[in-house]
Amino acid sequence: MLYCTKCQTICEDSTRTCPGCKRSRGLRPIKGEDEVFFMKVHEIEAAEIEALFDEKAIRCRMEPVKGGFATSVYDPEFLPTDKNIFVEYQDLERANAVMAAEAEDPEPETDGEEDMPRRKRMVIQTVSIIAFMILVMLMVLAADSVANWLKDLLMS
C-alpha cells in the first residue's frame, strides 16, 4: 500500500497518482504511525466518534474539512461544521471494526413512542403550512385596516 503525504489517503501499490488529489509526488510506502484519512462527518458525529475511539484507545485526530479554510455556504459537499477524522494506519483495522460494530448495534429504545407514519406527518405539515399562510394573511389585513383607520382619523 502507498501513502499520499498530501491528502493522507491510502492508494494501491500499482497506482501512479493518488486518486484523491491526483498528485504523483509524495506517494510512498505506508508506515504504521502515518495518519490516514478515515471519514468525513458532521461535528456532532465527530464528537461521538472521538469519544468512542478514546474509549477503545484508538488514536485519532479531527480537523475541519479543507484544513480549516472557510467553505462556501452554497457548497453542498462541505458544510462549515464538517470534520475529517484521521487515524493512525496501525489502528485503521480496529477503527473499522469499532465503526462496523457500532453500526450493527440497534438504536436505543425510545420512550414507547413510535415514529409518525409518513402520511400523517405530511398531513400535519400541510395543515401547518396552510394555517401559517392564513395567519400571515390575517395579520396583513389587520395591519391594513389599522393603517386605514389611522389615516381616516388623522385626515379628519
C-alpha atoms as a PDB file:
ATOM      1  CA  MET A   1       0.000   0.000   0.000  1.00  0.00           C
ATOM      2  CA  LEU A   2       1.130   3.528  -0.793  1.00  0.00           C
ATOM      3  CA  TYR A   3       0.502   6.617   1.295  1.00  0.00           C
ATOM      4  CA  CYS A   4      -0.189  10.080  -0.135  1.00  0.00           C
ATOM      5  CA  THR A   5       1.528  12.665   2.043  1.00  0.00           C
ATOM      6  CA  LYS A   6      -0.683  15.478   0.705  1.00  0.00           C
ATOM      7  CA  CYS A   7      -4.233  14.177   1.287  1.00  0.00           C
ATOM      8  CA  GLN A   8      -3.262  11.387   3.723  1.00  0.00           C
ATOM      9  CA  THR A   9      -5.097   8.609   1.881  1.00  0.00           C
ATOM     10  CA  ILE A  10      -4.088   5.048   1.098  1.00  0.00           C
ATOM     11  CA  CYS A  11      -3.520   4.063  -2.532  1.00  0.00           C
ATOM     12  CA  GLU A  12      -2.948   0.757  -4.286  1.00  0.00           C
ATOM     13  CA  ASP A  13       0.665  -0.219  -4.960  1.00  0.00           C
ATOM     14  CA  SER A  14       0.036  -0.195  -8.714  1.00  0.00           C
ATOM     15  CA  THR A  15      -1.153   3.427  -8.852  1.00  0.00           C
ATOM     16  CA  ARG A  16       0.989   6.211 -10.255  1.00  0.00           C
ATOM     17  CA  THR A  17      -1.113   9.088  -8.931  1.00  0.00           C
ATOM     18  CA  CYS A  18      -3.240   9.490  -5.839  1.00  0.00           C
ATOM     19  CA  PRO A  19      -6.946   9.032  -6.684  1.00  0.00           C
ATOM     20  CA  GLY A  20      -7.890  11.708  -4.133  1.00  0.00           C
ATOM     21  CA  CYS A  21      -5.643  14.628  -5.095  1.00  0.00           C
ATOM     22  CA  LYS A  22      -4.250  13.432  -8.461  1.00  0.00           C
ATOM     23  CA  ARG A  23      -0.708  14.010  -7.237  1.00  0.00           C
ATOM     24  CA  SER A  24       2.119  11.678  -8.193  1.00  0.00           C
ATOM     25  CA  ARG A  25       4.789  13.156  -5.951  1.00  0.00           C
ATOM     26  CA  GLY A  26       4.519  12.317  -2.277  1.00  0.00           C
ATOM     27  CA  LEU A  27       3.436   8.694  -2.729  1.00  0.00           C
ATOM     28  CA  ARG A  28       5.498   6.390  -0.541  1.00  0.00           C
ATOM     29  CA  PRO A  29       5.109   3.069   1.269  1.00  0.00           C
ATOM     30  CA  ILE A  30       2.844   3.438   4.285  1.00  0.00           C
ATOM     31  CA  LYS A  31       4.164   3.270   7.850  1.00  0.00           C
ATOM     32  CA  GLY A  32       2.237   2.208  10.950  1.00  0.00           C
ATOM     33  CA  GLU A  33       2.325   5.662  12.547  1.00  0.00           C
ATOM     34  CA  ASP A  34       1.086   7.504   9.429  1.00  0.00           C
ATOM     35  CA  GLU A  35      -2.244   9.221   9.968  1.00  0.00           C
ATOM     36  CA  VAL A  36      -4.682   8.199   7.239  1.00  0.00           C
ATOM     37  CA  PHE A  37      -7.995   9.750   6.291  1.00  0.00           C
ATOM     38  CA  PHE A  38     -10.787   7.720   7.897  1.00  0.00           C
ATOM     39  CA  MET A  39     -14.036   9.596   7.197  1.00  0.00           C
ATOM     40  CA  LYS A  40     -15.783  12.960   6.958  1.00  0.00           C
ATOM     41  CA  VAL A  41     -18.627  13.543   9.415  1.00  0.00           C
ATOM     42  CA  HIS A  42     -20.704  16.327  10.936  1.00  0.00           C
ATOM     43  CA  GLU A  43     -19.363  17.994  14.074  1.00  0.00           C
ATOM     44  CA  ILE A  44     -21.750  16.178  16.450  1.00  0.00           C
ATOM     45  CA  GLU A  45     -20.923  12.777  14.947  1.00  0.00           C
ATOM     46  CA  ALA A  46     -17.224  13.657  15.166  1.00  0.00           C
ATOM     47  CA  ALA A  47     -17.511  14.253  18.908  1.00  0.00           C
ATOM     48  CA  GLU A  48     -19.332  10.928  19.381  1.00  0.00           C
ATOM     49  CA  ILE A  49     -16.747   9.042  17.307  1.00  0.00           C
ATOM     50  CA  GLU A  50     -13.873  10.726  19.133  1.00  0.00           C
ATOM     51  CA  ALA A  51     -15.339   9.643  22.491  1.00  0.00           C
ATOM     52  CA  LEU A  52     -15.830   6.098  21.182  1.00  0.00           C
ATOM     53  CA  PHE A  53     -12.249   5.956  19.879  1.00  0.00           C
ATOM     54  CA  ASP A  54     -10.894   7.322  23.174  1.00  0.00           C
ATOM     55  CA  GLU A  55     -12.791   4.566  24.990  1.00  0.00           C
ATOM     56  CA  LYS A  56     -11.254   1.924  22.684  1.00  0.00           C
ATOM     57  CA  ALA A  57      -7.746   3.521  22.812  1.00  0.00           C
ATOM     58  CA  ILE A  58      -7.702   4.283  19.083  1.00  0.00           C
ATOM     59  CA  ARG A  59      -5.542   7.279  18.288  1.00  0.00           C
ATOM     60  CA  CYS A  60      -7.341   9.793  16.086  1.00  0.00           C
ATOM     61  CA  ARG A  61      -7.189  13.421  15.028  1.00  0.00           C
ATOM     62  CA  MET A  62     -10.055  15.691  13.989  1.00  0.00           C
ATOM     63  CA  GLU A  63      -9.714  18.711  11.758  1.00  0.00           C
ATOM     64  CA  PRO A  64     -12.163  20.924   9.895  1.00  0.00           C
ATOM     65  CA  VAL A  65     -12.813  19.911   6.292  1.00  0.00           C
ATOM     66  CA  LYS A  66     -10.450  21.652   3.853  1.00  0.00           C
ATOM     67  CA  GLY A  67      -7.891  22.147   6.602  1.00  0.00           C
ATOM     68  CA  GLY A  68      -9.758  24.943   8.370  1.00  0.00           C
ATOM     69  CA  PHE A  69     -10.368  27.095   5.308  1.00  0.00           C
ATOM     70  CA  ALA A  70     -13.847  28.556   5.051  1.00  0.00           C
ATOM     71  CA  THR A  71     -16.084  26.716   2.646  1.00  0.00           C
ATOM     72  CA  SER A  72     -18.792  28.224   0.526  1.00  0.00           C
ATOM     73  CA  VAL A  73     -22.220  28.378   2.100  1.00  0.00           C
ATOM     74  CA  TYR A  74     -23.608  27.029  -1.161  1.00  0.00           C
ATOM     75  CA  ASP A  75     -21.147  24.128  -1.475  1.00  0.00           C
ATOM     76  CA  PRO A  76     -23.357  21.078  -0.798  1.00  0.00           C
ATOM     77  CA  GLU A  77     -20.365  18.775  -0.404  1.00  0.00           C
ATOM     78  CA  PHE A  78     -18.818  20.610   2.545  1.00  0.00           C
ATOM     79  CA  LEU A  79     -20.549  22.240   5.493  1.00  0.00           C
ATOM     80  CA  PRO A  80     -18.659  24.600   7.818  1.00  0.00           C
ATOM     81  CA  THR A  81     -19.248  22.139  10.672  1.00  0.00           C
ATOM     82  CA  ASP A  82     -17.884  19.063   8.864  1.00  0.00           C
ATOM     83  CA  LYS A  83     -14.813  17.365  10.303  1.00  0.00           C
ATOM     84  CA  ASN A  84     -12.275  14.993   8.787  1.00  0.00           C
ATOM     85  CA  ILE A  85     -11.220  12.120  11.012  1.00  0.00           C
ATOM     86  CA  PHE A  86      -7.707  10.708  10.694  1.00  0.00           C
ATOM     87  CA  VAL A  87      -6.473   7.558  12.434  1.00  0.00           C
ATOM     88  CA  GLU A  88      -3.039   6.014  12.576  1.00  0.00           C
ATOM     89  CA  TYR A  89      -2.595   3.275   9.990  1.00  0.00           C
ATOM     90  CA  GLN A  90      -1.818   0.717  12.683  1.00  0.00           C
ATOM     91  CA  ASP A  91      -5.237   1.464  14.265  1.00  0.00           C
ATOM     92  CA  LEU A  92      -7.188   1.523  10.979  1.00  0.00           C
ATOM     93  CA  GLU A  93      -8.463  -2.070  11.193  1.00  0.00           C
ATOM     94  CA  ARG A  94      -9.611  -1.582  14.798  1.00  0.00           C
ATOM     95  CA  ALA A  95     -11.304   1.697  13.890  1.00  0.00           C
ATOM     96  CA  ASN A  96     -13.169  -0.001  11.023  1.00  0.00           C
ATOM     97  CA  ALA A  97     -14.202  -2.847  13.350  1.00  0.00           C
ATOM     98  CA  VAL A  98     -15.439  -0.426  16.023  1.00  0.00           C
ATOM     99  CA  MET A  99     -17.478   1.534  13.481  1.00  0.00           C
ATOM    100  CA  ALA A 100     -18.921  -1.680  12.000  1.00  0.00           C
ATOM    101  CA  ALA A 101     -19.906  -2.902  15.469  1.00  0.00           C
ATOM    102  CA  GLU A 102     -21.445   0.490  16.236  1.00  0.00           C
ATOM    103  CA  ALA A 103     -23.481   0.348  13.025  1.00  0.00           C
ATOM    104  CA  GLU A 104     -24.778  -3.139  13.915  1.00  0.00           C
ATOM    105  CA  ASP A 105     -25.947  -2.107  17.385  1.00  0.00           C
ATOM    106  CA  PRO A 106     -29.657  -1.302  17.418  1.00  0.00           C
ATOM    107  CA  GLU A 107     -30.705   2.247  18.134  1.00  0.00           C
ATOM    108  CA  PRO A 108     -31.539   2.931  21.791  1.00  0.00           C
ATOM    109  CA  GLU A 109     -35.149   2.363  22.752  1.00  0.00           C
ATOM    110  CA  THR A 110     -37.421   5.391  22.748  1.00  0.00           C
ATOM    111  CA  ASP A 111     -39.962   6.049  25.465  1.00  0.00           C
ATOM    112  CA  GLY A 112     -42.512   3.819  23.776  1.00  0.00           C
ATOM    113  CA  GLU A 113     -43.083   6.449  21.103  1.00  0.00           C
ATOM    114  CA  GLU A 114     -43.107   5.235  17.545  1.00  0.00           C
ATOM    115  CA  ASP A 115     -42.107   7.297  14.549  1.00  0.00           C
ATOM    116  CA  MET A 116     -45.020   9.077  12.993  1.00  0.00           C
ATOM    117  CA  PRO A 117     -46.260   7.466   9.755  1.00  0.00           C
ATOM    118  CA  ARG A 118     -45.229   9.355   6.637  1.00  0.00           C
ATOM    119  CA  ARG A 119     -48.806  10.125   5.546  1.00  0.00           C
ATOM    120  CA  LYS A 120     -49.749  11.551   8.949  1.00  0.00           C
ATOM    121  CA  ARG A 121     -46.599  13.673   9.017  1.00  0.00           C
ATOM    122  CA  MET A 122     -47.373  15.025   5.522  1.00  0.00           C
ATOM    123  CA  VAL A 123     -50.948  15.910   6.551  1.00  0.00           C
ATOM    124  CA  ILE A 124     -49.716  17.726   9.662  1.00  0.00           C
ATOM    125  CA  GLN A 125     -47.089  19.625   7.662  1.00  0.00           C
ATOM    126  CA  THR A 126     -49.636  20.619   5.005  1.00  0.00           C
ATOM    127  CA  VAL A 127     -52.160  21.810   7.612  1.00  0.00           C
ATOM    128  CA  SER A 128     -49.372  23.731   9.372  1.00  0.00           C
ATOM    129  CA  ILE A 129     -48.373  25.483   6.142  1.00  0.00           C
ATOM    130  CA  ILE A 130     -51.970  26.420   5.326  1.00  0.00           C
ATOM    131  CA  ALA A 131     -52.547  27.679   8.894  1.00  0.00           C
ATOM    132  CA  PHE A 132     -49.370  29.752   8.694  1.00  0.00           C
ATOM    133  CA  MET A 133     -50.427  31.303   5.379  1.00  0.00           C
ATOM    134  CA  ILE A 134     -53.878  32.158   6.783  1.00  0.00           C
ATOM    135  CA  LEU A 135     -52.243  33.707   9.844  1.00  0.00           C
ATOM    136  CA  VAL A 136     -49.966  35.850   7.661  1.00  0.00           C
ATOM    137  CA  MET A 137     -52.927  36.972   5.519  1.00  0.00           C
ATOM    138  CA  LEU A 138     -54.937  37.904   8.633  1.00  0.00           C
ATOM    139  CA  MET A 139     -52.005  39.909  10.006  1.00  0.00           C
ATOM    140  CA  VAL A 140     -51.630  41.783   6.708  1.00  0.00           C
ATOM    141  CA  LEU A 141     -55.369  42.537   6.605  1.00  0.00           C
ATOM    142  CA  ALA A 142     -55.334  43.669  10.242  1.00  0.00           C
ATOM    143  CA  ALA A 143     -52.338  45.928   9.659  1.00  0.00           C
ATOM    144  CA  ASP A 144     -54.012  47.363   6.554  1.00  0.00           C
ATOM    145  CA  SER A 145     -57.227  48.020   8.493  1.00  0.00           C
ATOM    146  CA  VAL A 146     -55.339  49.719  11.325  1.00  0.00           C
ATOM    147  CA  ALA A 147     -53.395  51.844   8.820  1.00  0.00           C
ATOM    148  CA  ASN A 148     -56.625  52.908   7.063  1.00  0.00           C
ATOM    149  CA  TRP A 149     -58.305  53.693  10.404  1.00  0.00           C
ATOM    150  CA  LEU A 150     -55.315  55.822  11.468  1.00  0.00           C
ATOM    151  CA  LYS A 151     -55.298  57.562   8.095  1.00  0.00           C
ATOM    152  CA  ASP A 152     -59.025  58.378   8.378  1.00  0.00           C
ATOM    153  CA  LEU A 153     -58.534  59.520  11.967  1.00  0.00           C
ATOM    154  CA  LEU A 154     -55.658  61.833  11.095  1.00  0.00           C
ATOM    155  CA  MET A 155     -57.274  63.168   7.908  1.00  0.00           C
ATOM    156  CA  SER A 156     -60.479  64.237   9.697  1.00  0.00           C
END
